[in-house]
Amino acid sequence: MNINLALTPLISLIAGILILIMPRLLNYIVALYLIVIGLIGLFGGGNIRL
């Protein structure tokens, strides 16, 4: 059984939920999101097969 899990939508969802819960973290969440998406783009880890 293969499950394809894309990291970018998952990271976006988690970041959105954290921003709703704690709006003060917006700057840190956006910065971490951009760093993670950049690393995923550089190293090509866009899809993980479980």
C-alpha atoms as a PDB file:
ATOM      1  CA  MET A   1       0.000   0.000   0.000  1.00  0.00           C
ATOM      2  CA  ASN A   2       1.494   3.315  -1.074  1.00  0.00           C
ATOM      3  CA  ILE A   3       0.432   6.624   0.425  1.00  0.00           C
ATOM      4  CA  ASN A   4       1.738   9.734  -1.308  1.00  0.00           C
ATOM      5  CA  LEU A   5       2.180  12.585   1.118  1.00  0.00           C
ATOM      6  CA  ALA A   6       3.145  16.008  -0.192  1.00  0.00           C
ATOM      7  CA  LEU A   7       5.038  18.017   2.399  1.00  0.00           C
ATOM      8  CA  THR A   8       4.133  21.541   1.300  1.00  0.00           C
ATOM      9  CA  PRO A   9       0.347  21.307   1.851  1.00  0.00           C
ATOM     10  CA  LEU A  10       0.926  19.599   5.185  1.00  0.00           C
ATOM     11  CA  ILE A  11       3.339  22.315   6.326  1.00  0.00           C
ATOM     12  CA  SER A  12       0.916  25.008   5.138  1.00  0.00           C
ATOM     13  CA  LEU A  13      -1.931  23.444   7.087  1.00  0.00           C
ATOM     14  CA  ILE A  14       0.092  23.215  10.287  1.00  0.00           C
ATOM     15  CA  ALA A  15       1.332  26.801   9.897  1.00  0.00           C
ATOM     16  CA  GLY A  16      -2.218  28.059   9.324  1.00  0.00           C
ATOM     17  CA  ILE A  17      -3.533  26.301  12.409  1.00  0.00           C
ATOM     18  CA  LEU A  18      -0.693  27.669  14.541  1.00  0.00           C
ATOM     19  CA  ILE A  19      -1.348  31.203  13.288  1.00  0.00           C
ATOM     20  CA  LEU A  20      -5.033  30.870  14.184  1.00  0.00           C
ATOM     21  CA  ILE A  21      -4.197  29.584  17.661  1.00  0.00           C
ATOM     22  CA  MET A  22      -1.342  31.990  18.410  1.00  0.00           C
ATOM     23  CA  PRO A  23      -1.334  35.078  16.143  1.00  0.00           C
ATOM     24  CA  ARG A  24       1.764  36.471  17.884  1.00  0.00           C
ATOM     25  CA  LEU A  25       3.846  33.729  16.255  1.00  0.00           C
ATOM     26  CA  LEU A  26       3.035  34.911  12.729  1.00  0.00           C
ATOM     27  CA  ASN A  27       6.525  36.260  11.949  1.00  0.00           C
ATOM     28  CA  TYR A  28       8.281  33.133  13.190  1.00  0.00           C
ATOM     29  CA  ILE A  29       5.871  30.774  11.453  1.00  0.00           C
ATOM     30  CA  VAL A  30       6.212  32.590   8.128  1.00  0.00           C
ATOM     31  CA  ALA A  31      10.006  32.614   8.425  1.00  0.00           C
ATOM     32  CA  LEU A  32      10.163  28.892   9.279  1.00  0.00           C
ATOM     33  CA  TYR A  33       7.696  28.078   6.500  1.00  0.00           C
ATOM     34  CA  LEU A  34       9.818  29.867   3.917  1.00  0.00           C
ATOM     35  CA  ILE A  35      12.990  28.174   5.147  1.00  0.00           C
ATOM     36  CA  VAL A  36      11.403  24.715   5.084  1.00  0.00           C
ATOM     37  CA  ILE A  37       9.870  25.220   1.629  1.00  0.00           C
ATOM     38  CA  GLY A  38      13.234  26.473   0.348  1.00  0.00           C
ATOM     39  CA  LEU A  39      15.028  23.420   1.734  1.00  0.00           C
ATOM     40  CA  ILE A  40      12.432  21.093   0.250  1.00  0.00           C
ATOM     41  CA  GLY A  41      12.876  22.807  -3.104  1.00  0.00           C
ATOM     42  CA  LEU A  42      16.666  22.577  -2.954  1.00  0.00           C
ATOM     43  CA  PHE A  43      16.897  18.956  -1.871  1.00  0.00           C
ATOM     44  CA  GLY A  44      13.902  17.677  -3.843  1.00  0.00           C
ATOM     45  CA  GLY A  45      11.989  16.102  -0.996  1.00  0.00           C
ATOM     46  CA  GLY A  46       8.600  17.147  -2.329  1.00  0.00           C
ATOM     47  CA  ASN A  47       6.997  13.707  -2.049  1.00  0.00           C
ATOM     48  CA  ILE A  48       7.492  11.064   0.596  1.00  0.00           C
ATOM     49  CA  ARG A  49       6.185   7.550   0.007  1.00  0.00           C
ATOM     50  CA  LEU A  50       5.045   5.708   3.084  1.00  0.00           C
END
